[in-house]
PDB file of N, CA and C in Angstrom:
ATOM      1  N   MET A   1       8.149  -8.317   6.774  1.00  0.00           N
ATOM      2  CA  MET A   1       8.944  -7.492   7.559  1.00  0.00           C
ATOM      3  C   MET A   1       7.861  -7.335   8.259  1.00  0.00           C
ATOM      4  N   GLN A   2       7.749  -6.714   9.466  1.00  0.00           N
ATOM      5  CA  GLN A   2       6.775  -5.972  10.252  1.00  0.00           C
ATOM      6  C   GLN A   2       6.030  -4.774   9.886  1.00  0.00           C
ATOM      7  N   LEU A   3       4.933  -5.109  10.345  1.00  0.00           N
ATOM      8  CA  LEU A   3       4.064  -3.608   9.664  1.00  0.00           C
ATOM      9  C   LEU A   3       4.852  -2.351  10.331  1.00  0.00           C
ATOM     10  N   GLU A   4       5.428  -2.265  11.588  1.00  0.00           N
ATOM     11  CA  GLU A   4       5.586  -0.782  12.333  1.00  0.00           C
ATOM     12  C   GLU A   4       6.816  -0.729  11.196  1.00  0.00           C
ATOM     13  N   ASP A   5       7.530  -1.674  10.609  1.00  0.00           N
ATOM     14  CA  ASP A   5       8.831  -1.341   9.978  1.00  0.00           C
ATOM     15  C   ASP A   5       8.386  -0.957   8.289  1.00  0.00           C
ATOM     16  N   PHE A   6       7.649  -1.455   7.960  1.00  0.00           N
ATOM     17  CA  PHE A   6       7.164  -0.865   6.603  1.00  0.00           C
ATOM     18  C   PHE A   6       6.500   0.530   6.755  1.00  0.00           C
ATOM     19  N   ILE A   7       5.618   0.878   7.556  1.00  0.00           N
ATOM     20  CA  ILE A   7       4.958   2.166   7.834  1.00  0.00           C
ATOM     21  C   ILE A   7       6.590   3.061   8.051  1.00  0.00           C
ATOM     22  N   ALA A   8       7.276   2.874   8.819  1.00  0.00           N
ATOM     23  CA  ALA A   8       8.230   3.706   9.174  1.00  0.00           C
ATOM     24  C   ALA A   8       8.927   3.737   7.872  1.00  0.00           C
ATOM     25  N   ASN A   9       9.067   2.769   7.396  1.00  0.00           N
ATOM     26  CA  ASN A   9      10.729   2.798   5.908  1.00  0.00           C
ATOM     27  C   ASN A   9       9.738   3.290   4.601  1.00  0.00           C
ATOM     28  N   TYR A  10       8.632   2.904   4.510  1.00  0.00           N
ATOM     29  CA  TYR A  10       8.371   3.121   3.396  1.00  0.00           C
ATOM     30  C   TYR A  10       7.179   4.586   3.017  1.00  0.00           C
ATOM     31  N   ASN A  11       7.452   5.389   2.269  1.00  0.00           N
ATOM     32  CA  ASN A  11       6.435   6.480   2.056  1.00  0.00           C
ATOM     33  C   ASN A  11       5.330   6.438   0.769  1.00  0.00           C
ATOM     34  N   LEU A  12       4.166   5.999   1.237  1.00  0.00           N
ATOM     35  CA  LEU A  12       3.332   5.555  -0.134  1.00  0.00           C
ATOM     36  C   LEU A  12       2.428   6.660  -0.183  1.00  0.00           C
ATOM     37  N   HIS A  13       2.394   7.827  -0.006  1.00  0.00           N
ATOM     38  CA  HIS A  13       2.105   9.460  -0.251  1.00  0.00           C
ATOM     39  C   HIS A  13       2.226   9.391  -1.717  1.00  0.00           C
ATOM     40  N   ASP A  14       0.985   9.843  -2.497  1.00  0.00           N
ATOM     41  CA  ASP A  14       1.228   9.965  -3.927  1.00  0.00           C
ATOM     42  C   ASP A  14       1.273   9.249  -4.891  1.00  0.00           C
ATOM     43  N   SER A  15       1.778   7.513  -4.274  1.00  0.00           N
ATOM     44  CA  SER A  15       1.600   6.709  -4.980  1.00  0.00           C
ATOM     45  C   SER A  15       0.491   6.248  -5.648  1.00  0.00           C
ATOM     46  N   LEU A  16      -0.030   5.654  -6.442  1.00  0.00           N
ATOM     47  CA  LEU A  16      -1.080   5.078  -6.925  1.00  0.00           C
ATOM     48  C   LEU A  16      -1.615   3.644  -6.703  1.00  0.00           C
ATOM     49  N   LEU A  17      -2.470   3.617  -6.257  1.00  0.00           N
ATOM     50  CA  LEU A  17      -3.456   1.734  -5.856  1.00  0.00           C
ATOM     51  C   LEU A  17      -3.745   1.530  -7.349  1.00  0.00           C
ATOM     52  N   GLU A  18      -3.010   0.781  -8.226  1.00  0.00           N
ATOM     53  CA  GLU A  18      -3.931   0.105  -9.428  1.00  0.00           C
ATOM     54  C   GLU A  18      -4.660  -0.948  -8.854  1.00  0.00           C
ATOM     55  N   GLU A  19      -4.541  -2.179  -8.189  1.00  0.00           N
ATOM     56  CA  GLU A  19      -4.963  -3.157  -7.860  1.00  0.00           C
ATOM     57  C   GLU A  19      -5.457  -3.394  -6.692  1.00  0.00           C
ATOM     58  N   CYS A  20      -6.351  -4.284  -6.086  1.00  0.00           N
ATOM     59  CA  CYS A  20      -6.520  -4.664  -4.924  1.00  0.00           C
ATOM     60  C   CYS A  20      -7.322  -5.983  -4.822  1.00  0.00           C
ATOM     61  N   ILE A  21      -6.501  -7.431  -4.477  1.00  0.00           N
ATOM     62  CA  ILE A  21      -6.845  -8.445  -4.449  1.00  0.00           C
ATOM     63  C   ILE A  21      -6.737  -8.897  -2.865  1.00  0.00           C
ATOM     64  N   TYR A  22      -8.136  -9.284  -2.691  1.00  0.00           N
ATOM     65  CA  TYR A  22      -8.256 -10.189  -1.264  1.00  0.00           C
ATOM     66  C   TYR A  22      -8.748 -11.452  -1.342  1.00  0.00           C
ATOM     67  N   ALA A  23      -7.676 -12.175  -0.798  1.00  0.00           N
ATOM     68  CA  ALA A  23      -7.991 -13.710  -0.935  1.00  0.00           C
ATOM     69  C   ALA A  23      -7.983 -14.212   0.504  1.00  0.00           C
ATOM     70  N   LYS A  24      -9.307 -14.439   1.079  1.00  0.00           N
ATOM     71  CA  LYS A  24      -9.876 -14.214   2.261  1.00  0.00           C
ATOM     72  C   LYS A  24      -9.348 -15.744   2.821  1.00  0.00           C
ATOM     73  N   GLU A  25     -10.013 -16.881   1.925  1.00  0.00           N
ATOM     74  CA  GLU A  25      -9.401 -18.174   2.027  1.00  0.00           C
ATOM     75  C   GLU A  25      -8.024 -17.974   2.520  1.00  0.00           C
ATOM     76  N   GLU A  26      -7.028 -17.485   1.914  1.00  0.00           N
ATOM     77  CA  GLU A  26      -5.457 -17.317   2.280  1.00  0.00           C
ATOM     78  C   GLU A  26      -4.912 -16.359   3.213  1.00  0.00           C
ATOM     79  N   GLY A  27      -5.885 -15.511   3.715  1.00  0.00           N
ATOM     80  CA  GLY A  27      -5.417 -14.521   4.715  1.00  0.00           C
ATOM     81  C   GLY A  27      -4.613 -13.335   3.989  1.00  0.00           C
ATOM     82  N   LYS A  28      -4.752 -13.269   2.945  1.00  0.00           N
ATOM     83  CA  LYS A  28      -3.753 -12.781   2.099  1.00  0.00           C
ATOM     84  C   LYS A  28      -4.423 -11.195   1.137  1.00  0.00           C
ATOM     85  N   LEU A  29      -3.964 -10.133   1.524  1.00  0.00           N
ATOM     86  CA  LEU A  29      -4.267  -9.097   0.722  1.00  0.00           C
ATOM     87  C   LEU A  29      -3.067  -8.445  -0.175  1.00  0.00           C
ATOM     88  N   THR A  30      -3.038  -8.477  -1.858  1.00  0.00           N
ATOM     89  CA  THR A  30      -2.094  -7.900  -2.488  1.00  0.00           C
ATOM     90  C   THR A  30      -2.937  -6.659  -2.964  1.00  0.00           C
ATOM     91  N   LEU A  31      -1.743  -5.876  -3.085  1.00  0.00           N
ATOM     92  CA  LEU A  31      -2.127  -4.644  -3.502  1.00  0.00           C
ATOM     93  C   LEU A  31      -0.696  -4.053  -4.486  1.00  0.00           C
ATOM     94  N   LEU A  32      -1.399  -3.751  -5.950  1.00  0.00           N
ATOM     95  CA  LEU A  32      -0.315  -3.300  -6.850  1.00  0.00           C
ATOM     96  C   LEU A  32      -0.216  -1.945  -6.924  1.00  0.00           C
ATOM     97  N   ILE A  33       0.666  -1.532  -6.617  1.00  0.00           N
ATOM     98  CA  ILE A  33       0.893   0.248  -6.471  1.00  0.00           C
ATOM     99  C   ILE A  33       1.631   0.301  -7.500  1.00  0.00           C
ATOM    100  N   ASP A  34       1.546   1.898  -8.064  1.00  0.00           N
ATOM    101  CA  ASP A  34       3.100   2.532  -9.022  1.00  0.00           C
ATOM    102  C   ASP A  34       3.183   3.449  -8.017  1.00  0.00           C
ATOM    103  N   PHE A  35       4.673   3.025  -7.371  1.00  0.00           N
ATOM    104  CA  PHE A  35       4.975   3.594  -6.272  1.00  0.00           C
ATOM    105  C   PHE A  35       6.002   4.387  -6.534  1.00  0.00           C
ATOM    106  N   CYS A  36       6.053   5.872  -5.855  1.00  0.00           N
ATOM    107  CA  CYS A  36       6.794   6.996  -6.218  1.00  0.00           C
ATOM    108  C   CYS A  36       8.343   6.381  -5.266  1.00  0.00           C
ATOM    109  N   TYR A  37       9.192   6.252  -6.284  1.00  0.00           N
ATOM    110  CA  TYR A  37      10.615   6.164  -5.804  1.00  0.00           C
ATOM    111  C   TYR A  37      10.968   7.251  -5.161  1.00  0.00           C
ATOM    112  N   TRP A  38      10.723   8.356  -6.001  1.00  0.00           N
ATOM    113  CA  TRP A  38      11.207   9.504  -5.607  1.00  0.00           C
ATOM    114  C   TRP A  38      11.002  10.265  -4.029  1.00  0.00           C
ATOM    115  N   ALA A  39      10.049   9.657  -3.586  1.00  0.00           N
ATOM    116  CA  ALA A  39       9.577   9.951  -2.489  1.00  0.00           C
ATOM    117  C   ALA A  39       9.903   9.336  -1.120  1.00  0.00           C
ATOM    118  N   GLN A  40      10.941   8.421  -1.767  1.00  0.00           N
ATOM    119  CA  GLN A  40      11.900   7.569  -0.502  1.00  0.00           C
ATOM    120  C   GLN A  40      12.915   8.026  -0.054  1.00  0.00           C
ATOM    121  N   SER A  41      13.408   8.110   1.339  1.00  0.00           N
ATOM    122  CA  SER A  41      14.257   8.861   1.864  1.00  0.00           C
ATOM    123  C   SER A  41      15.466   8.457   1.200  1.00  0.00           C
ATOM    124  N   ALA A  42      15.829   7.666   0.537  1.00  0.00           N
ATOM    125  CA  ALA A  42      17.136   6.799   0.107  1.00  0.00           C
ATOM    126  C   ALA A  42      17.279   7.650  -1.759  1.00  0.00           C
ATOM    127  N   TYR A  43      16.375   7.989  -2.057  1.00  0.00           N
ATOM    128  CA  TYR A  43      16.090   8.521  -3.308  1.00  0.00           C
ATOM    129  C   TYR A  43      17.132   8.869  -4.180  1.00  0.00           C
ATOM    130  N   LYS A  44      17.666   8.516  -4.865  1.00  0.00           N
ATOM    131  CA  LYS A  44      19.142   9.430  -5.678  1.00  0.00           C
ATOM    132  C   LYS A  44      18.780   9.800  -7.066  1.00  0.00           C
ATOM    133  N   ASP A  45      19.148  11.274  -7.431  1.00  0.00           N
ATOM    134  CA  ASP A  45      18.728  11.623  -8.686  1.00  0.00           C
ATOM    135  C   ASP A  45      19.283  10.682 -10.060  1.00  0.00           C
ATOM    136  N   GLY A  46      18.574  10.521 -10.761  1.00  0.00           N
ATOM    137  CA  GLY A  46      18.954   9.770 -12.173  1.00  0.00           C
ATOM    138  C   GLY A  46      18.401   8.331 -11.926  1.00  0.00           C
ATOM    139  N   GLU A  47      17.763   7.839 -10.828  1.00  0.00           N
ATOM    140  CA  GLU A  47      16.897   6.618 -10.536  1.00  0.00           C
ATOM    141  C   GLU A  47      15.900   6.809 -11.052  1.00  0.00           C
ATOM    142  N   ALA A  48      15.141   5.410 -11.195  1.00  0.00           N
ATOM    143  CA  ALA A  48      13.485   5.697 -11.614  1.00  0.00           C
ATOM    144  C   ALA A  48      12.592   6.448 -10.518  1.00  0.00           C
ATOM    145  N   GLU A  49      11.690   7.182 -11.291  1.00  0.00           N
ATOM    146  CA  GLU A  49      11.024   7.994  -9.896  1.00  0.00           C
ATOM    147  C   GLU A  49       9.999   7.035  -9.727  1.00  0.00           C
ATOM    148  N   THR A  50       9.222   6.246 -10.617  1.00  0.00           N
ATOM    149  CA  THR A  50       7.864   5.634 -10.080  1.00  0.00           C
ATOM    150  C   THR A  50       8.327   4.124 -10.920  1.00  0.00           C
ATOM    151  N   GLY A  51       7.462   3.163 -10.266  1.00  0.00           N
ATOM    152  CA  GLY A  51       7.406   1.896 -10.624  1.00  0.00           C
ATOM    153  C   GLY A  51       6.233   1.034 -10.130  1.00  0.00           C
ATOM    154  N   LEU A  52       6.079  -0.115 -10.765  1.00  0.00           N
ATOM    155  CA  LEU A  52       5.115  -0.971 -10.224  1.00  0.00           C
ATOM    156  C   LEU A  52       5.381  -1.730  -9.054  1.00  0.00           C
ATOM    157  N   VAL A  53       4.728  -1.854  -8.102  1.00  0.00           N
ATOM    158  CA  VAL A  53       5.393  -2.710  -7.040  1.00  0.00           C
ATOM    159  C   VAL A  53       4.270  -3.179  -6.569  1.00  0.00           C
ATOM    160  N   THR A  54       4.489  -4.654  -5.730  1.00  0.00           N
ATOM    161  CA  THR A  54       3.246  -5.582  -5.171  1.00  0.00           C
ATOM    162  C   THR A  54       3.767  -5.655  -3.619  1.00  0.00           C
ATOM    163  N   VAL A  55       2.537  -4.967  -2.761  1.00  0.00           N
ATOM    164  CA  VAL A  55       2.918  -5.136  -1.797  1.00  0.00           C
ATOM    165  C   VAL A  55       1.800  -6.373  -1.227  1.00  0.00           C
ATOM    166  N   ILE A  56       2.150  -7.038  -0.497  1.00  0.00           N
ATOM    167  CA  ILE A  56       1.160  -8.214   0.309  1.00  0.00           C
ATOM    168  C   ILE A  56       1.562  -8.231   1.527  1.00  0.00           C
ATOM    169  N   PHE A  57       0.340  -8.448   2.042  1.00  0.00           N
ATOM    170  CA  PHE A  57      -0.042  -8.574   3.536  1.00  0.00           C
ATOM    171  C   PHE A  57      -0.273  -9.901   3.659  1.00  0.00           C
ATOM    172  N   TYR A  58       0.025 -10.451   4.822  1.00  0.00           N
ATOM    173  CA  TYR A  58      -0.464 -11.641   5.407  1.00  0.00           C
ATOM    174  C   TYR A  58      -0.786 -11.807   6.819  1.00  0.00           C
ATOM    175  N   ASP A  59      -1.685 -13.077   6.727  1.00  0.00           N
ATOM    176  CA  ASP A  59      -2.577 -13.290   7.868  1.00  0.00           C
ATOM    177  C   ASP A  59      -3.780 -12.144   8.195  1.00  0.00           C
ATOM    178  N   VAL A  60      -3.916 -11.559   6.794  1.00  0.00           N
ATOM    179  CA  VAL A  60      -5.001 -10.374   7.454  1.00  0.00           C
ATOM    180  C   VAL A  60      -6.479 -10.688   7.579  1.00  0.00           C
ATOM    181  N   SER A  61      -7.268 -10.130   8.342  1.00  0.00           N
ATOM    182  CA  SER A  61      -8.396 -10.673   9.121  1.00  0.00           C
ATOM    183  C   SER A  61      -9.206  -9.037   9.108  1.00  0.00           C
ATOM    184  N   ALA A  62     -10.521  -9.112   9.344  1.00  0.00           N
ATOM    185  CA  ALA A  62     -11.411  -8.085   9.351  1.00  0.00           C
ATOM    186  C   ALA A  62     -11.314  -7.012   8.470  1.00  0.00           C
ATOM    187  N   PHE A  63     -10.519  -7.463   6.937  1.00  0.00           N
ATOM    188  CA  PHE A  63     -10.884  -6.674   5.757  1.00  0.00           C
ATOM    189  C   PHE A  63     -12.118  -5.809   5.473  1.00  0.00           C
ATOM    190  N   LYS A  64     -11.842  -4.545   5.234  1.00  0.00           N
ATOM    191  CA  LYS A  64     -13.461  -3.582   4.992  1.00  0.00           C
ATOM    192  C   LYS A  64     -12.441  -2.817   3.826  1.00  0.00           C
ATOM    193  N   ARG A  65     -13.335  -2.492   2.908  1.00  0.00           N
ATOM    194  CA  ARG A  65     -13.163  -1.554   2.148  1.00  0.00           C
ATOM    195  C   ARG A  65     -14.414  -0.535   1.723  1.00  0.00           C
ATOM    196  N   ASP A  66     -14.240   0.449   1.066  1.00  0.00           N
ATOM    197  CA  ASP A  66     -15.306   1.284   0.468  1.00  0.00           C
ATOM    198  C   ASP A  66     -15.800   0.438  -0.821  1.00  0.00           C
ATOM    199  N   ASP A  67     -16.822   0.514  -0.831  1.00  0.00           N
ATOM    200  CA  ASP A  67     -17.403  -0.225  -2.602  1.00  0.00           C
ATOM    201  C   ASP A  67     -17.175   0.839  -3.588  1.00  0.00           C
ATOM    202  N   TYR A  68     -15.916   0.621  -4.581  1.00  0.00           N
ATOM    203  CA  TYR A  68     -15.879   1.432  -5.394  1.00  0.00           C
ATOM    204  C   TYR A  68     -14.531   0.713  -6.383  1.00  0.00           C
ATOM    205  N   GLU A  69     -14.927   1.117  -7.550  1.00  0.00           N
ATOM    206  CA  GLU A  69     -14.175   0.906  -8.744  1.00  0.00           C
ATOM    207  C   GLU A  69     -12.781   1.481  -8.642  1.00  0.00           C
ATOM    208  N   ILE A  70     -11.664   0.740  -8.046  1.00  0.00           N
ATOM    209  CA  ILE A  70     -10.085   1.188  -8.560  1.00  0.00           C
ATOM    210  C   ILE A  70      -9.733   1.395  -9.663  1.00  0.00           C
ATOM    211  N   ASN A  71      -9.029   2.722  -9.541  1.00  0.00           N
ATOM    212  CA  ASN A  71      -8.546   3.568 -10.988  1.00  0.00           C
ATOM    213  C   ASN A  71      -7.631   4.410 -10.703  1.00  0.00           C
ATOM    214  N   SER A  72      -6.297   4.051 -10.543  1.00  0.00           N
ATOM    215  CA  SER A  72      -5.005   4.491 -10.367  1.00  0.00           C
ATOM    216  C   SER A  72      -5.277   5.674  -8.978  1.00  0.00           C
ATOM    217  N   ASP A  73      -6.015   5.474  -8.048  1.00  0.00           N
ATOM    218  CA  ASP A  73      -6.035   6.425  -7.001  1.00  0.00           C
ATOM    219  C   ASP A  73      -5.262   6.697  -6.228  1.00  0.00           C
ATOM    220  N   ALA A  74      -4.974   7.966  -5.830  1.00  0.00           N
ATOM    221  CA  ALA A  74      -3.766   8.531  -5.168  1.00  0.00           C
ATOM    222  C   ALA A  74      -3.962   7.862  -3.264  1.00  0.00           C
ATOM    223  N   ILE A  75      -2.785   7.589  -3.226  1.00  0.00           N
ATOM    224  CA  ILE A  75      -2.547   6.921  -2.011  1.00  0.00           C
ATOM    225  C   ILE A  75      -2.338   8.232  -0.919  1.00  0.00           C
ATOM    226  N   ILE A  76      -3.195   8.576  -0.145  1.00  0.00           N
ATOM    227  CA  ILE A  76      -2.940  10.170   0.554  1.00  0.00           C
ATOM    228  C   ILE A  76      -2.526   9.402   2.388  1.00  0.00           C
ATOM    229  N   GLY A  77      -2.635   8.322   2.795  1.00  0.00           N
ATOM    230  CA  GLY A  77      -2.756   8.091   3.737  1.00  0.00           C
ATOM    231  C   GLY A  77      -2.300   6.649   4.205  1.00  0.00           C
ATOM    232  N   ILE A  78      -1.420   6.293   5.228  1.00  0.00           N
ATOM    233  CA  ILE A  78      -1.728   4.740   5.470  1.00  0.00           C
ATOM    234  C   ILE A  78      -1.063   5.007   6.995  1.00  0.00           C
ATOM    235  N   ARG A  79      -1.551   4.365   8.205  1.00  0.00           N
ATOM    236  CA  ARG A  79      -0.904   4.425   9.481  1.00  0.00           C
ATOM    237  C   ARG A  79      -1.519   3.006  10.037  1.00  0.00           C
ATOM    238  N   GLN A  80      -1.040   2.799  11.077  1.00  0.00           N
ATOM    239  CA  GLN A  80      -0.926   1.770  12.216  1.00  0.00           C
ATOM    240  C   GLN A  80      -2.286   2.331  13.119  1.00  0.00           C
ATOM    241  N   SER A  81      -3.427   2.002  13.254  1.00  0.00           N
ATOM    242  CA  SER A  81      -4.255   2.641  14.193  1.00  0.00           C
ATOM    243  C   SER A  81      -4.303   2.315  15.482  1.00  0.00           C
ATOM    244  N   MET A  82      -4.063   0.536  15.230  1.00  0.00           N
ATOM    245  CA  MET A  82      -3.755   0.012  16.536  1.00  0.00           C
ATOM    246  C   MET A  82      -3.014  -0.837  16.440  1.00  0.00           C
ATOM    247  N   PRO A  83      -2.537  -1.577  17.194  1.00  0.00           N
ATOM    248  CA  PRO A  83      -1.149  -2.910  17.041  1.00  0.00           C
ATOM    249  C   PRO A  83      -1.932  -3.977  15.886  1.00  0.00           C
ATOM    250  N   GLY A  84      -1.124  -3.876  14.303  1.00  0.00           N
ATOM    251  CA  GLY A  84      -1.437  -4.761  13.550  1.00  0.00           C
ATOM    252  C   GLY A  84      -2.660  -4.353  12.793  1.00  0.00           C
ATOM    253  N   GLN A  85      -3.463  -3.235  13.231  1.00  0.00           N
ATOM    254  CA  GLN A  85      -4.251  -2.853  12.570  1.00  0.00           C
ATOM    255  C   GLN A  85      -3.732  -1.379  11.480  1.00  0.00           C
ATOM    256  N   VAL A  86      -4.254  -1.718   9.780  1.00  0.00           N
ATOM    257  CA  VAL A  86      -3.759  -0.939   8.944  1.00  0.00           C
ATOM    258  C   VAL A  86      -4.879  -0.327   8.580  1.00  0.00           C
ATOM    259  N   GLU A  87      -4.824   1.279   8.532  1.00  0.00           N
ATOM    260  CA  GLU A  87      -5.721   2.155   7.500  1.00  0.00           C
ATOM    261  C   GLU A  87      -5.387   2.689   6.446  1.00  0.00           C
ATOM    262  N   LEU A  88      -5.723   2.574   5.560  1.00  0.00           N
ATOM    263  CA  LEU A  88      -5.344   2.976   4.080  1.00  0.00           C
ATOM    264  C   LEU A  88      -6.357   4.107   3.128  1.00  0.00           C
ATOM    265  N   VAL A  89      -5.670   5.310   3.431  1.00  0.00           N
ATOM    266  CA  VAL A  89      -6.919   6.154   2.657  1.00  0.00           C
ATOM    267  C   VAL A  89      -6.239   6.315   1.318  1.00  0.00           C
ATOM    268  N   VAL A  90      -7.103   6.488   0.228  1.00  0.00           N
ATOM    269  CA  VAL A  90      -6.832   6.809  -1.163  1.00  0.00           C
ATOM    270  C   VAL A  90      -8.119   7.931  -1.622  1.00  0.00           C
ATOM    271  N   GLN A  91      -7.618   8.743  -2.418  1.00  0.00           N
ATOM    272  CA  GLN A  91      -8.362   9.609  -2.966  1.00  0.00           C
ATOM    273  C   GLN A  91      -8.386   9.397  -4.276  1.00  0.00           C
ATOM    274  N   CYS A  92      -9.815   9.512  -5.178  1.00  0.00           N
ATOM    275  CA  CYS A  92     -10.131   9.367  -6.373  1.00  0.00           C
ATOM    276  C   CYS A  92      -9.910  10.667  -7.081  1.00  0.00           C
ATOM    277  N   ASP A  93      -9.836  10.413  -8.533  1.00  0.00           N
ATOM    278  CA  ASP A  93      -9.910  11.721  -9.566  1.00  0.00           C
ATOM    279  C   ASP A  93     -10.872  12.498  -9.092  1.00  0.00           C
ATOM    280  N   ASP A  94     -12.222  12.246  -8.828  1.00  0.00           N
ATOM    281  CA  ASP A  94     -13.475  13.041  -8.269  1.00  0.00           C
ATOM    282  C   ASP A  94     -13.266  13.726  -6.902  1.00  0.00           C
ATOM    283  N   ARG A  95     -12.070  13.476  -6.443  1.00  0.00           N
ATOM    284  CA  ARG A  95     -11.689  13.916  -5.201  1.00  0.00           C
ATOM    285  C   ARG A  95     -12.439  13.129  -3.952  1.00  0.00           C
ATOM    286  N   SER A  96     -13.453  11.923  -4.387  1.00  0.00           N
ATOM    287  CA  SER A  96     -13.712  11.159  -3.219  1.00  0.00           C
ATOM    288  C   SER A  96     -12.403  10.710  -2.501  1.00  0.00           C
ATOM    289  N   ILE A  97     -12.988  10.448  -1.278  1.00  0.00           N
ATOM    290  CA  ILE A  97     -11.833   9.752  -0.328  1.00  0.00           C
ATOM    291  C   ILE A  97     -12.370   8.292  -0.206  1.00  0.00           C
ATOM    292  N   HIS A  98     -11.623   7.353   0.211  1.00  0.00           N
ATOM    293  CA  HIS A  98     -12.121   5.750   0.098  1.00  0.00           C
ATOM    294  C   HIS A  98     -10.958   5.135   1.112  1.00  0.00           C
ATOM    295  N   LEU A  99     -11.325   4.397   2.191  1.00  0.00           N
ATOM    296  CA  LEU A  99     -10.834   3.911   3.202  1.00  0.00           C
ATOM    297  C   LEU A  99     -10.725   2.481   3.346  1.00  0.00           C
ATOM    298  N   PHE A 100      -9.549   1.453   3.303  1.00  0.00           N
ATOM    299  CA  PHE A 100      -9.101   0.395   3.207  1.00  0.00           C
ATOM    300  C   PHE A 100      -8.698   0.038   5.149  1.00  0.00           C
ATOM    301  N   SER A 101      -9.432  -0.873   5.663  1.00  0.00           N
ATOM    302  CA  SER A 101      -8.838  -1.124   6.909  1.00  0.00           C
ATOM    303  C   SER A 101      -8.854  -2.876   7.134  1.00  0.00           C
ATOM    304  N   PHE A 102      -7.659  -2.952   7.783  1.00  0.00           N
ATOM    305  CA  PHE A 102      -7.425  -4.427   8.059  1.00  0.00           C
ATOM    306  C   PHE A 102      -6.341  -4.659   9.104  1.00  0.00           C
ATOM    307  N   TYR A 103      -6.236  -5.856   9.539  1.00  0.00           N
ATOM    308  CA  TYR A 103      -5.388  -6.741  10.415  1.00  0.00           C
ATOM    309  C   TYR A 103      -4.452  -7.357   9.804  1.00  0.00           C
ATOM    310  N   THR A 104      -3.381  -7.036  10.110  1.00  0.00           N
ATOM    311  CA  THR A 104      -2.182  -7.666   9.421  1.00  0.00           C
ATOM    312  C   THR A 104      -1.115  -8.388  10.434  1.00  0.00           C
ATOM    313  N   SER A 105      -0.133  -9.472   9.922  1.00  0.00           N
ATOM    314  CA  SER A 105       0.925  -9.920  11.185  1.00  0.00           C
ATOM    315  C   SER A 105       2.288  -9.624  10.408  1.00  0.00           C
ATOM    316  N   ALA A 106       2.448  -9.588   8.657  1.00  0.00           N
ATOM    317  CA  ALA A 106       3.511  -9.003   8.382  1.00  0.00           C
ATOM    318  C   ALA A 106       3.278  -8.599   6.721  1.00  0.00           C
ATOM    319  N   VAL A 107       4.230  -8.062   6.319  1.00  0.00           N
ATOM    320  CA  VAL A 107       4.094  -7.340   4.755  1.00  0.00           C
ATOM    321  C   VAL A 107       5.161  -7.768   3.916  1.00  0.00           C
ATOM    322  N   GLU A 108       5.279  -7.694   2.836  1.00  0.00           N
ATOM    323  CA  GLU A 108       6.265  -8.162   2.009  1.00  0.00           C
ATOM    324  C   GLU A 108       6.222  -7.192   0.657  1.00  0.00           C
ATOM    325  N   ILE A 109       7.277  -6.641   0.451  1.00  0.00           N
ATOM    326  CA  ILE A 109       6.973  -6.034  -1.116  1.00  0.00           C
ATOM    327  C   ILE A 109       8.019  -6.643  -2.151  1.00  0.00           C
ATOM    328  N   CYS A 110       7.459  -6.880  -3.109  1.00  0.00           N
ATOM    329  CA  CYS A 110       7.923  -7.478  -4.270  1.00  0.00           C
ATOM    330  C   CYS A 110       8.222  -6.285  -5.279  1.00  0.00           C
ATOM    331  N   THR A 111       9.061  -6.398  -5.943  1.00  0.00           N
ATOM    332  CA  THR A 111       9.649  -5.646  -7.175  1.00  0.00           C
ATOM    333  C   THR A 111      10.769  -6.193  -8.122  1.00  0.00           C
ATOM    334  N   ASP A 112      10.828  -5.715  -9.421  1.00  0.00           N
ATOM    335  CA  ASP A 112      11.458  -6.814 -10.386  1.00  0.00           C
ATOM    336  C   ASP A 112      13.164  -5.910 -10.087  1.00  0.00           C
ATOM    337  N   SER A 113      13.397  -5.222  -9.081  1.00  0.00           N
ATOM    338  CA  SER A 113      14.427  -4.580  -8.661  1.00  0.00           C
ATOM    339  C   SER A 113      14.518  -4.084  -7.394  1.00  0.00           C
ATOM    340  N   SER A 114      15.549  -4.458  -6.900  1.00  0.00           N
ATOM    341  CA  SER A 114      15.744  -3.937  -4.895  1.00  0.00           C
ATOM    342  C   SER A 114      15.247  -2.631  -4.946  1.00  0.00           C
ATOM    343  N   MET A 115      14.937  -2.560  -3.623  1.00  0.00           N
ATOM    344  CA  MET A 115      14.104  -1.403  -3.395  1.00  0.00           C
ATOM    345  C   MET A 115      15.076  -0.159  -3.186  1.00  0.00           C
ATOM    346  N   ARG A 116      15.047   0.937  -2.724  1.00  0.00           N
ATOM    347  CA  ARG A 116      16.267   1.609  -2.606  1.00  0.00           C
ATOM    348  C   ARG A 116      15.968   2.118  -1.493  1.00  0.00           C
TER     349      ARG A 116
END
């Protein structure tokens, strides 16, 4: 899907970043996220409130991130600052803020069940 659609249709706020793998040679960034289904507009009572999802960004370039150890960090923001440019902001338990920045052309969400 296009980045604009991803940002418009999925709310990542309060979801937890569990892992980040950047494969520079492949131009692929993979994020493992403990996703807040409850924060989505289509969420219905009785469904799973959270669950692990894998978000894959393709054709990634200019990837930059703060050097720190990821440990279930709360996603507090994601935006498209320029066409194709993503800025992802996370907050750690110690209240420190960290930034991930990159360019991408497409994104895919992988789950063991369909997204709501």
